[in-house]
Amino acid sequence: MSAAASTYPASAPWPGEWASLAACAGRQPLMDDDLPGETAEEREARHWRAAEVCRRCVVLAECAAWREATPVAQRVGVSAGRVRRPAQKGDTDLLNPASTAVAVA
């Protein structure tokens, strides 16, 4: 993952060794929040593609547990089939399209 291409916050806890088994491993910037020059429509389409990567991932449960353990303010981009943009108060579940932003305490 290139530091210049990723929006992953440096202060966020890094996932466990299971992350190397993740379907998204090496697939940045697909999972990132925003990319320079990207329109909102392009970002949304990319996030849906990222969610499809999550859907078939063998470590989805581990990733979801890691995401829940990560402070909300540090959750950006797509992981565990969810996306949170910096302006959001909660996550949007892309694997369950009927859901809306999930409020968090």
PDB file of N, CA and C in Angstrom:
ATOM      1  N   MET A   1       0.844  -1.170   0.000  1.00  0.00           N
ATOM      2  CA  MET A   1       0.000   0.000   0.000  1.00  0.00           C
ATOM      3  C   MET A   1       0.886   1.227   0.000  1.00  0.00           C
ATOM      4  N   SER A   2       0.615   2.121  -0.883  1.00  0.00           N
ATOM      5  CA  SER A   2       1.385   3.350  -0.980  1.00  0.00           C
ATOM      6  C   SER A   2       0.826   4.382  -0.028  1.00  0.00           C
ATOM      7  N   ALA A   3       1.683   4.976   0.776  1.00  0.00           N
ATOM      8  CA  ALA A   3       1.222   5.983   1.724  1.00  0.00           C
ATOM      9  C   ALA A   3       0.601   7.161   0.995  1.00  0.00           C
ATOM     10  N   ALA A   4       1.116   7.510  -0.170  1.00  0.00           N
ATOM     11  CA  ALA A   4       0.587   8.637  -0.921  1.00  0.00           C
ATOM     12  C   ALA A   4      -0.803   8.341  -1.476  1.00  0.00           C
ATOM     13  N   ALA A   5      -1.089   7.081  -1.779  1.00  0.00           N
ATOM     14  CA  ALA A   5      -2.359   6.718  -2.398  1.00  0.00           C
ATOM     15  C   ALA A   5      -3.424   6.350  -1.378  1.00  0.00           C
ATOM     16  N   SER A   6      -3.063   6.172  -0.135  1.00  0.00           N
ATOM     17  CA  SER A   6      -4.000   5.688   0.864  1.00  0.00           C
ATOM     18  C   SER A   6      -4.456   6.789   1.801  1.00  0.00           C
ATOM     19  N   THR A   7      -5.719   6.701   2.236  1.00  0.00           N
ATOM     20  CA  THR A   7      -6.232   7.629   3.233  1.00  0.00           C
ATOM     21  C   THR A   7      -6.303   6.952   4.598  1.00  0.00           C
ATOM     22  N   TYR A   8      -5.692   5.789   4.747  1.00  0.00           N
ATOM     23  CA  TYR A   8      -5.708   5.065   6.019  1.00  0.00           C
ATOM     24  C   TYR A   8      -5.024   5.904   7.086  1.00  0.00           C
ATOM     25  N   PRO A   9      -5.704   6.205   8.186  1.00  0.00           N
ATOM     26  CA  PRO A   9      -5.103   7.058   9.210  1.00  0.00           C
ATOM     27  C   PRO A   9      -3.923   6.386   9.903  1.00  0.00           C
ATOM     28  N   ALA A  10      -2.828   7.083   9.969  1.00  0.00           N
ATOM     29  CA  ALA A  10      -1.609   6.531  10.568  1.00  0.00           C
ATOM     30  C   ALA A  10      -1.800   6.181  12.037  1.00  0.00           C
ATOM     31  N   SER A  11      -2.730   6.863  12.720  1.00  0.00           N
ATOM     32  CA  SER A  11      -2.925   6.623  14.148  1.00  0.00           C
ATOM     33  C   SER A  11      -3.851   5.446  14.441  1.00  0.00           C
ATOM     34  N   ALA A  12      -4.504   4.891  13.427  1.00  0.00           N
ATOM     35  CA  ALA A  12      -5.426   3.774  13.651  1.00  0.00           C
ATOM     36  C   ALA A  12      -4.645   2.504  13.962  1.00  0.00           C
ATOM     37  N   PRO A  13      -5.208   1.626  14.809  1.00  0.00           N
ATOM     38  CA  PRO A  13      -4.524   0.367  15.100  1.00  0.00           C
ATOM     39  C   PRO A  13      -4.461  -0.487  13.841  1.00  0.00           C
ATOM     40  N   TRP A  14      -3.331  -1.120  13.609  1.00  0.00           N
ATOM     41  CA  TRP A  14      -3.188  -1.953  12.420  1.00  0.00           C
ATOM     42  C   TRP A  14      -3.825  -3.310  12.676  1.00  0.00           C
ATOM     43  N   PRO A  15      -4.479  -3.886  11.666  1.00  0.00           N
ATOM     44  CA  PRO A  15      -5.112  -5.192  11.850  1.00  0.00           C
ATOM     45  C   PRO A  15      -4.093  -6.278  12.173  1.00  0.00           C
ATOM     46  N   GLY A  16      -4.597  -7.410  12.600  1.00  0.00           N
ATOM     47  CA  GLY A  16      -3.738  -8.545  12.920  1.00  0.00           C
ATOM     48  C   GLY A  16      -3.158  -9.190  11.676  1.00  0.00           C
ATOM     49  N   GLU A  17      -2.433 -10.280  11.889  1.00  0.00           N
ATOM     50  CA  GLU A  17      -1.787 -10.986  10.777  1.00  0.00           C
ATOM     51  C   GLU A  17      -2.794 -11.535   9.774  1.00  0.00           C
ATOM     52  N   TRP A  18      -4.035 -11.701  10.190  1.00  0.00           N
ATOM     53  CA  TRP A  18      -5.075 -12.170   9.283  1.00  0.00           C
ATOM     54  C   TRP A  18      -5.224 -11.244   8.072  1.00  0.00           C
ATOM     55  N   ALA A  19      -4.820  -9.991   8.212  1.00  0.00           N
ATOM     56  CA  ALA A  19      -5.005  -9.017   7.129  1.00  0.00           C
ATOM     57  C   ALA A  19      -4.289  -9.434   5.847  1.00  0.00           C
ATOM     58  N   SER A  20      -3.207 -10.192   5.983  1.00  0.00           N
ATOM     59  CA  SER A  20      -2.490 -10.628   4.776  1.00  0.00           C
ATOM     60  C   SER A  20      -3.316 -11.637   3.975  1.00  0.00           C
ATOM     61  N   LEU A  21      -4.322 -12.254   4.600  1.00  0.00           N
ATOM     62  CA  LEU A  21      -5.205 -13.206   3.924  1.00  0.00           C
ATOM     63  C   LEU A  21      -6.431 -12.532   3.315  1.00  0.00           C
ATOM     64  N   ALA A  22      -6.612 -11.257   3.607  1.00  0.00           N
ATOM     65  CA  ALA A  22      -7.803 -10.534   3.164  1.00  0.00           C
ATOM     66  C   ALA A  22      -7.844 -10.408   1.644  1.00  0.00           C
ATOM     67  N   ALA A  23      -9.045 -10.474   1.105  1.00  0.00           N
ATOM     68  CA  ALA A  23      -9.227 -10.334  -0.344  1.00  0.00           C
ATOM     69  C   ALA A  23      -8.770  -8.965  -0.837  1.00  0.00           C
ATOM     70  N   CYS A  24      -8.746  -7.980   0.039  1.00  0.00           N
ATOM     71  CA  CYS A  24      -8.345  -6.625  -0.349  1.00  0.00           C
ATOM     72  C   CYS A  24      -6.843  -6.390  -0.230  1.00  0.00           C
ATOM     73  N   ALA A  25      -6.104  -7.341   0.312  1.00  0.00           N
ATOM     74  CA  ALA A  25      -4.662  -7.153   0.500  1.00  0.00           C
ATOM     75  C   ALA A  25      -4.013  -6.789  -0.830  1.00  0.00           C
ATOM     76  N   GLY A  26      -3.312  -5.672  -0.832  1.00  0.00           N
ATOM     77  CA  GLY A  26      -2.651  -5.201  -2.039  1.00  0.00           C
ATOM     78  C   GLY A  26      -3.576  -4.530  -3.039  1.00  0.00           C
ATOM     79  N   ARG A  27      -4.807  -4.262  -2.643  1.00  0.00           N
ATOM     80  CA  ARG A  27      -5.795  -3.693  -3.570  1.00  0.00           C
ATOM     81  C   ARG A  27      -6.099  -2.236  -3.276  1.00  0.00           C
ATOM     82  N   GLN A  28      -5.191  -1.556  -2.600  1.00  0.00           N
ATOM     83  CA  GLN A  28      -5.356  -0.120  -2.433  1.00  0.00           C
ATOM     84  C   GLN A  28      -5.054   0.500  -3.781  1.00  0.00           C
ATOM     85  N   PRO A  29      -5.707   1.512  -4.188  1.00  0.00           N
ATOM     86  CA  PRO A  29      -6.611   2.390  -3.465  1.00  0.00           C
ATOM     87  C   PRO A  29      -8.093   2.032  -3.582  1.00  0.00           C
ATOM     88  N   LEU A  30      -8.419   0.817  -4.052  1.00  0.00           N
ATOM     89  CA  LEU A  30      -9.824   0.421  -4.175  1.00  0.00           C
ATOM     90  C   LEU A  30     -10.593   0.661  -2.883  1.00  0.00           C
ATOM     91  N   MET A  31      -9.980   0.387  -1.755  1.00  0.00           N
ATOM     92  CA  MET A  31     -10.668   0.449  -0.472  1.00  0.00           C
ATOM     93  C   MET A  31     -10.622   1.836   0.175  1.00  0.00           C
ATOM     94  N   ASP A  32      -9.849   2.753  -0.377  1.00  0.00           N
ATOM     95  CA  ASP A  32      -9.695   4.083   0.218  1.00  0.00           C
ATOM     96  C   ASP A  32     -10.991   4.882   0.169  1.00  0.00           C
ATOM     97  N   ASP A  33     -11.047   5.919   0.998  1.00  0.00           N
ATOM     98  CA  ASP A  33     -12.212   6.788   1.033  1.00  0.00           C
ATOM     99  C   ASP A  33     -12.299   7.598  -0.254  1.00  0.00           C
ATOM    100  N   ASP A  34     -11.492   8.609  -0.370  1.00  0.00           N
ATOM    101  CA  ASP A  34     -11.502   9.487  -1.537  1.00  0.00           C
ATOM    102  C   ASP A  34     -10.188   9.382  -2.288  1.00  0.00           C
ATOM    103  N   LEU A  35     -10.260   9.540  -3.590  1.00  0.00           N
ATOM    104  CA  LEU A  35      -9.064   9.592  -4.423  1.00  0.00           C
ATOM    105  C   LEU A  35      -9.022  10.954  -5.108  1.00  0.00           C
ATOM    106  N   PRO A  36      -7.845  11.515  -5.273  1.00  0.00           N
ATOM    107  CA  PRO A  36      -7.742  12.826  -5.917  1.00  0.00           C
ATOM    108  C   PRO A  36      -8.382  12.816  -7.308  1.00  0.00           C
ATOM    109  N   GLY A  37      -9.189  13.829  -7.581  1.00  0.00           N
ATOM    110  CA  GLY A  37      -9.806  13.976  -8.889  1.00  0.00           C
ATOM    111  C   GLY A  37     -11.003  13.083  -9.146  1.00  0.00           C
ATOM    112  N   GLU A  38     -11.417  12.319  -8.162  1.00  0.00           N
ATOM    113  CA  GLU A  38     -12.525  11.379  -8.322  1.00  0.00           C
ATOM    114  C   GLU A  38     -13.851  12.093  -8.062  1.00  0.00           C
ATOM    115  N   THR A  39     -14.840  11.851  -8.920  1.00  0.00           N
ATOM    116  CA  THR A  39     -16.165  12.423  -8.696  1.00  0.00           C
ATOM    117  C   THR A  39     -16.899  11.600  -7.635  1.00  0.00           C
ATOM    118  N   ALA A  40     -17.973  12.162  -7.106  1.00  0.00           N
ATOM    119  CA  ALA A  40     -18.772  11.442  -6.111  1.00  0.00           C
ATOM    120  C   ALA A  40     -19.331  10.150  -6.708  1.00  0.00           C
ATOM    121  N   GLU A  41     -19.740  10.196  -7.962  1.00  0.00           N
ATOM    122  CA  GLU A  41     -20.291   9.011  -8.624  1.00  0.00           C
ATOM    123  C   GLU A  41     -19.223   7.937  -8.804  1.00  0.00           C
ATOM    124  N   GLU A  42     -18.026   8.351  -9.185  1.00  0.00           N
ATOM    125  CA  GLU A  42     -16.921   7.394  -9.339  1.00  0.00           C
ATOM    126  C   GLU A  42     -16.562   6.767  -7.999  1.00  0.00           C
ATOM    127  N   ARG A  43     -16.542   7.581  -6.935  1.00  0.00           N
ATOM    128  CA  ARG A  43     -16.232   7.072  -5.598  1.00  0.00           C
ATOM    129  C   ARG A  43     -17.275   6.054  -5.158  1.00  0.00           C
ATOM    130  N   GLU A  44     -18.550   6.382  -5.358  1.00  0.00           N
ATOM    131  CA  GLU A  44     -19.607   5.460  -4.950  1.00  0.00           C
ATOM    132  C   GLU A  44     -19.498   4.134  -5.701  1.00  0.00           C
ATOM    133  N   ALA A  45     -19.252   4.188  -6.999  1.00  0.00           N
ATOM    134  CA  ALA A  45     -19.106   2.954  -7.789  1.00  0.00           C
ATOM    135  C   ALA A  45     -17.908   2.147  -7.304  1.00  0.00           C
ATOM    136  N   ARG A  46     -16.813   2.822  -6.998  1.00  0.00           N
ATOM    137  CA  ARG A  46     -15.609   2.125  -6.509  1.00  0.00           C
ATOM    138  C   ARG A  46     -15.887   1.484  -5.161  1.00  0.00           C
ATOM    139  N   HIS A  47     -16.602   2.185  -4.287  1.00  0.00           N
ATOM    140  CA  HIS A  47     -16.924   1.623  -2.974  1.00  0.00           C
ATOM    141  C   HIS A  47     -17.809   0.387  -3.105  1.00  0.00           C
ATOM    142  N   TRP A  48     -18.740   0.381  -4.052  1.00  0.00           N
ATOM    143  CA  TRP A  48     -19.564  -0.810  -4.264  1.00  0.00           C
ATOM    144  C   TRP A  48     -18.712  -1.969  -4.761  1.00  0.00           C
ATOM    145  N   ARG A  49     -17.735  -1.681  -5.640  1.00  0.00           N
ATOM    146  CA  ARG A  49     -16.814  -2.744  -6.093  1.00  0.00           C
ATOM    147  C   ARG A  49     -16.000  -3.264  -4.912  1.00  0.00           C
ATOM    148  N   ALA A  50     -15.573  -2.359  -4.039  1.00  0.00           N
ATOM    149  CA  ALA A  50     -14.810  -2.757  -2.853  1.00  0.00           C
ATOM    150  C   ALA A  50     -15.657  -3.649  -1.947  1.00  0.00           C
ATOM    151  N   ALA A  51     -16.932  -3.312  -1.798  1.00  0.00           N
ATOM    152  CA  ALA A  51     -17.822  -4.124  -0.960  1.00  0.00           C
ATOM    153  C   ALA A  51     -17.963  -5.534  -1.520  1.00  0.00           C
ATOM    154  N   GLU A  52     -17.949  -5.671  -2.832  1.00  0.00           N
ATOM    155  CA  GLU A  52     -18.011  -7.004  -3.440  1.00  0.00           C
ATOM    156  C   GLU A  52     -16.753  -7.800  -3.120  1.00  0.00           C
ATOM    157  N   VAL A  53     -15.613  -7.131  -3.020  1.00  0.00           N
ATOM    158  CA  VAL A  53     -14.376  -7.799  -2.595  1.00  0.00           C
ATOM    159  C   VAL A  53     -14.559  -8.295  -1.163  1.00  0.00           C
ATOM    160  N   CYS A  54     -15.124  -7.449  -0.304  1.00  0.00           N
ATOM    161  CA  CYS A  54     -15.372  -7.838   1.093  1.00  0.00           C
ATOM    162  C   CYS A  54     -16.318  -9.036   1.173  1.00  0.00           C
ATOM    163  N   ARG A  55     -17.349  -9.019   0.352  1.00  0.00           N
ATOM    164  CA  ARG A  55     -18.379 -10.069   0.404  1.00  0.00           C
ATOM    165  C   ARG A  55     -17.779 -11.464   0.250  1.00  0.00           C
ATOM    166  N   ARG A  56     -16.742 -11.607  -0.553  1.00  0.00           N
ATOM    167  CA  ARG A  56     -16.163 -12.939  -0.796  1.00  0.00           C
ATOM    168  C   ARG A  56     -14.887 -13.187   0.014  1.00  0.00           C
ATOM    169  N   CYS A  57     -14.613 -12.337   0.979  1.00  0.00           N
ATOM    170  CA  CYS A  57     -13.371 -12.426   1.746  1.00  0.00           C
ATOM    171  C   CYS A  57     -13.445 -13.501   2.836  1.00  0.00           C
ATOM    172  N   VAL A  58     -12.372 -14.274   2.965  1.00  0.00           N
ATOM    173  CA  VAL A  58     -12.322 -15.349   3.960  1.00  0.00           C
ATOM    174  C   VAL A  58     -12.116 -14.829   5.383  1.00  0.00           C
ATOM    175  N   VAL A  59     -11.715 -13.585   5.533  1.00  0.00           N
ATOM    176  CA  VAL A  59     -11.491 -13.030   6.875  1.00  0.00           C
ATOM    177  C   VAL A  59     -12.459 -11.873   7.167  1.00  0.00           C
ATOM    178  N   LEU A  60     -13.648 -11.921   6.568  1.00  0.00           N
ATOM    179  CA  LEU A  60     -14.639 -10.865   6.776  1.00  0.00           C
ATOM    180  C   LEU A  60     -14.982 -10.703   8.257  1.00  0.00           C
ATOM    181  N   ALA A  61     -15.156 -11.795   8.977  1.00  0.00           N
ATOM    182  CA  ALA A  61     -15.503 -11.712  10.401  1.00  0.00           C
ATOM    183  C   ALA A  61     -14.391 -11.044  11.207  1.00  0.00           C
ATOM    184  N   GLU A  62     -13.145 -11.403  10.929  1.00  0.00           N
ATOM    185  CA  GLU A  62     -12.016 -10.798  11.638  1.00  0.00           C
ATOM    186  C   GLU A  62     -11.921  -9.312  11.324  1.00  0.00           C
ATOM    187  N   CYS A  63     -12.143  -8.967  10.067  1.00  0.00           N
ATOM    188  CA  CYS A  63     -12.095  -7.572   9.647  1.00  0.00           C
ATOM    189  C   CYS A  63     -13.206  -6.770  10.328  1.00  0.00           C
ATOM    190  N   ALA A  64     -14.395  -7.356  10.415  1.00  0.00           N
ATOM    191  CA  ALA A  64     -15.508  -6.671  11.075  1.00  0.00           C
ATOM    192  C   ALA A  64     -15.199  -6.431  12.550  1.00  0.00           C
ATOM    193  N   ALA A  65     -14.596  -7.415  13.212  1.00  0.00           N
ATOM    194  CA  ALA A  65     -14.225  -7.249  14.622  1.00  0.00           C
ATOM    195  C   ALA A  65     -13.166  -6.159  14.772  1.00  0.00           C
ATOM    196  N   TRP A  66     -12.195  -6.139  13.863  1.00  0.00           N
ATOM    197  CA  TRP A  66     -11.164  -5.098  13.895  1.00  0.00           C
ATOM    198  C   TRP A  66     -11.788  -3.725  13.678  1.00  0.00           C
ATOM    199  N   ARG A  67     -12.701  -3.622  12.715  1.00  0.00           N
ATOM    200  CA  ARG A  67     -13.347  -2.337  12.431  1.00  0.00           C
ATOM    201  C   ARG A  67     -14.109  -1.845  13.649  1.00  0.00           C
ATOM    202  N   GLU A  68     -14.816  -2.741  14.319  1.00  0.00           N
ATOM    203  CA  GLU A  68     -15.559  -2.351  15.524  1.00  0.00           C
ATOM    204  C   GLU A  68     -14.626  -1.892  16.634  1.00  0.00           C
ATOM    205  N   ALA A  69     -13.425  -2.460  16.703  1.00  0.00           N
ATOM    206  CA  ALA A  69     -12.460  -2.087  17.746  1.00  0.00           C
ATOM    207  C   ALA A  69     -11.723  -0.790  17.418  1.00  0.00           C
ATOM    208  N   THR A  70     -11.830  -0.340  16.179  1.00  0.00           N
ATOM    209  CA  THR A  70     -11.163   0.886  15.749  1.00  0.00           C
ATOM    210  C   THR A  70     -12.055   2.076  16.083  1.00  0.00           C
ATOM    211  N   PRO A  71     -11.509   3.123  16.700  1.00  0.00           N
ATOM    212  CA  PRO A  71     -12.330   4.302  17.002  1.00  0.00           C
ATOM    213  C   PRO A  71     -13.039   4.822  15.746  1.00  0.00           C
ATOM    214  N   VAL A  72     -14.293   5.210  15.900  1.00  0.00           N
ATOM    215  CA  VAL A  72     -15.118   5.642  14.774  1.00  0.00           C
ATOM    216  C   VAL A  72     -14.438   6.736  13.959  1.00  0.00           C
ATOM    217  N   ALA A  73     -13.830   7.681  14.610  1.00  0.00           N
ATOM    218  CA  ALA A  73     -13.191   8.795  13.902  1.00  0.00           C
ATOM    219  C   ALA A  73     -12.041   8.333  13.012  1.00  0.00           C
ATOM    220  N   GLN A  74     -11.531   7.128  13.252  1.00  0.00           N
ATOM    221  CA  GLN A  74     -10.407   6.616  12.470  1.00  0.00           C
ATOM    222  C   GLN A  74     -10.842   5.625  11.392  1.00  0.00           C
ATOM    223  N   ARG A  75     -12.130   5.350  11.304  1.00  0.00           N
ATOM    224  CA  ARG A  75     -12.641   4.442  10.278  1.00  0.00           C
ATOM    225  C   ARG A  75     -12.909   5.244   9.007  1.00  0.00           C
ATOM    226  N   VAL A  76     -12.073   5.083   8.010  1.00  0.00           N
ATOM    227  CA  VAL A  76     -12.308   5.735   6.722  1.00  0.00           C
ATOM    228  C   VAL A  76     -12.128   4.712   5.613  1.00  0.00           C
ATOM    229  N   GLY A  77     -12.827   4.926   4.535  1.00  0.00           N
ATOM    230  CA  GLY A  77     -12.739   3.979   3.440  1.00  0.00           C
ATOM    231  C   GLY A  77     -13.583   2.744   3.702  1.00  0.00           C
ATOM    232  N   VAL A  78     -13.342   1.712   2.907  1.00  0.00           N
ATOM    233  CA  VAL A  78     -14.133   0.483   2.975  1.00  0.00           C
ATOM    234  C   VAL A  78     -13.354  -0.604   3.694  1.00  0.00           C
ATOM    235  N   SER A  79     -13.986  -1.225   4.669  1.00  0.00           N
ATOM    236  CA  SER A  79     -13.471  -2.429   5.319  1.00  0.00           C
ATOM    237  C   SER A  79     -14.666  -3.172   5.881  1.00  0.00           C
ATOM    238  N   ALA A  80     -14.593  -4.484   5.866  1.00  0.00           N
ATOM    239  CA  ALA A  80     -15.678  -5.338   6.358  1.00  0.00           C
ATOM    240  C   ALA A  80     -17.008  -5.017   5.669  1.00  0.00           C
ATOM    241  N   GLY A  81     -16.940  -4.552   4.435  1.00  0.00           N
ATOM    242  CA  GLY A  81     -18.158  -4.251   3.689  1.00  0.00           C
ATOM    243  C   GLY A  81     -18.866  -2.997   4.133  1.00  0.00           C
ATOM    244  N   ARG A  82     -18.199  -2.187   4.897  1.00  0.00           N
ATOM    245  CA  ARG A  82     -18.775  -0.929   5.382  1.00  0.00           C
ATOM    246  C   ARG A  82     -17.886   0.218   4.944  1.00  0.00           C
ATOM    247  N   VAL A  83     -18.501   1.375   4.826  1.00  0.00           N
ATOM    248  CA  VAL A  83     -17.735   2.574   4.483  1.00  0.00           C
ATOM    249  C   VAL A  83     -18.124   3.691   5.441  1.00  0.00           C
ATOM    250  N   ARG A  84     -17.139   4.467   5.800  1.00  0.00           N
ATOM    251  CA  ARG A  84     -17.388   5.679   6.572  1.00  0.00           C
ATOM    252  C   ARG A  84     -16.534   6.766   5.967  1.00  0.00           C
ATOM    253  N   ARG A  85     -17.179   7.854   5.645  1.00  0.00           N
ATOM    254  CA  ARG A  85     -16.461   9.020   5.151  1.00  0.00           C
ATOM    255  C   ARG A  85     -16.262   9.955   6.331  1.00  0.00           C
ATOM    256  N   PRO A  86     -15.210  10.746   6.322  1.00  0.00           N
ATOM    257  CA  PRO A  86     -14.914  11.602   7.481  1.00  0.00           C
ATOM    258  C   PRO A  86     -16.085  12.450   7.968  1.00  0.00           C
ATOM    259  N   ALA A  87     -16.981  12.881   7.099  1.00  0.00           N
ATOM    260  CA  ALA A  87     -18.104  13.721   7.521  1.00  0.00           C
ATOM    261  C   ALA A  87     -19.248  12.922   8.150  1.00  0.00           C
ATOM    262  N   GLN A  88     -19.230  11.591   8.035  1.00  0.00           N
ATOM    263  CA  GLN A  88     -20.295  10.754   8.584  1.00  0.00           C
ATOM    264  C   GLN A  88     -20.100  10.497  10.066  1.00  0.00           C
ATOM    265  N   LYS A  89     -21.222  10.314  10.768  1.00  0.00           N
ATOM    266  CA  LYS A  89     -21.153   9.961  12.187  1.00  0.00           C
ATOM    267  C   LYS A  89     -21.086   8.457  12.386  1.00  0.00           C
ATOM    268  N   GLY A  90     -21.497   7.697  11.398  1.00  0.00           N
ATOM    269  CA  GLY A  90     -21.492   6.240  11.515  1.00  0.00           C
ATOM    270  C   GLY A  90     -21.080   5.596  10.212  1.00  0.00           C
ATOM    271  N   ASP A  91     -21.135   4.275  10.179  1.00  0.00           N
ATOM    272  CA  ASP A  91     -20.760   3.510   8.998  1.00  0.00           C
ATOM    273  C   ASP A  91     -21.979   3.277   8.116  1.00  0.00           C
ATOM    274  N   THR A  92     -21.761   3.119   6.828  1.00  0.00           N
ATOM    275  CA  THR A  92     -22.788   2.683   5.897  1.00  0.00           C
ATOM    276  C   THR A  92     -22.463   1.247   5.518  1.00  0.00           C
ATOM    277  N   ASP A  93     -23.412   0.354   5.733  1.00  0.00           N
ATOM    278  CA  ASP A  93     -23.216  -1.063   5.444  1.00  0.00           C
ATOM    279  C   ASP A  93     -23.489  -1.316   3.968  1.00  0.00           C
ATOM    280  N   LEU A  94     -22.448  -1.554   3.196  1.00  0.00           N
ATOM    281  CA  LEU A  94     -22.590  -1.779   1.761  1.00  0.00           C
ATOM    282  C   LEU A  94     -22.998  -3.208   1.436  1.00  0.00           C
ATOM    283  N   LEU A  95     -22.851  -4.121   2.376  1.00  0.00           N
ATOM    284  CA  LEU A  95     -23.237  -5.510   2.135  1.00  0.00           C
ATOM    285  C   LEU A  95     -24.727  -5.716   2.345  1.00  0.00           C
ATOM    286  N   ASN A  96     -25.367  -4.781   3.035  1.00  0.00           N
ATOM    287  CA  ASN A  96     -26.809  -4.816   3.263  1.00  0.00           C
ATOM    288  C   ASN A  96     -27.376  -3.486   2.793  1.00  0.00           C
ATOM    289  N   PRO A  97     -27.635  -3.337   1.494  1.00  0.00           N
ATOM    290  CA  PRO A  97     -28.012  -2.048   0.924  1.00  0.00           C
ATOM    291  C   PRO A  97     -29.225  -1.387   1.551  1.00  0.00           C
ATOM    292  N   ALA A  98     -30.097  -2.134   2.198  1.00  0.00           N
ATOM    293  CA  ALA A  98     -31.270  -1.534   2.820  1.00  0.00           C
ATOM    294  C   ALA A  98     -30.902  -0.728   4.057  1.00  0.00           C
ATOM    295  N   SER A  99     -29.701  -0.934   4.577  1.00  0.00           N
ATOM    296  CA  SER A  99     -29.300  -0.220   5.783  1.00  0.00           C
ATOM    297  C   SER A  99     -28.878   1.200   5.438  1.00  0.00           C
ATOM    298  N   THR A 100     -28.890   2.047   6.449  1.00  0.00           N
ATOM    299  CA  THR A 100     -28.413   3.414   6.304  1.00  0.00           C
ATOM    300  C   THR A 100     -27.239   3.582   7.237  1.00  0.00           C
ATOM    301  N   ALA A 101     -26.773   4.798   7.400  1.00  0.00           N
ATOM    302  CA  ALA A 101     -25.642   5.025   8.302  1.00  0.00           C
ATOM    303  C   ALA A 101     -25.989   4.484   9.680  1.00  0.00           C
ATOM    304  N   VAL A 102     -25.087   3.719  10.242  1.00  0.00           N
ATOM    305  CA  VAL A 102     -25.283   3.112  11.552  1.00  0.00           C
ATOM    306  C   VAL A 102     -24.794   4.091  12.601  1.00  0.00           C
ATOM    307  N   ALA A 103     -25.671   4.496  13.479  1.00  0.00           N
ATOM    308  CA  ALA A 103     -25.278   5.423  14.534  1.00  0.00           C
ATOM    309  C   ALA A 103     -24.365   4.718  15.520  1.00  0.00           C
ATOM    310  N   VAL A 104     -23.382   5.432  15.987  1.00  0.00           N
ATOM    311  CA  VAL A 104     -22.452   4.884  16.964  1.00  0.00           C
ATOM    312  C   VAL A 104     -22.362   5.822  18.142  1.00  0.00           C
ATOM    313  N   ALA A 105     -22.075   5.244  19.294  1.00  0.00           N
ATOM    314  CA  ALA A 105     -21.992   6.055  20.508  1.00  0.00           C
ATOM    315  C   ALA A 105     -20.710   6.846  20.543  1.00  0.00           C
TER     316      ALA A 105
END
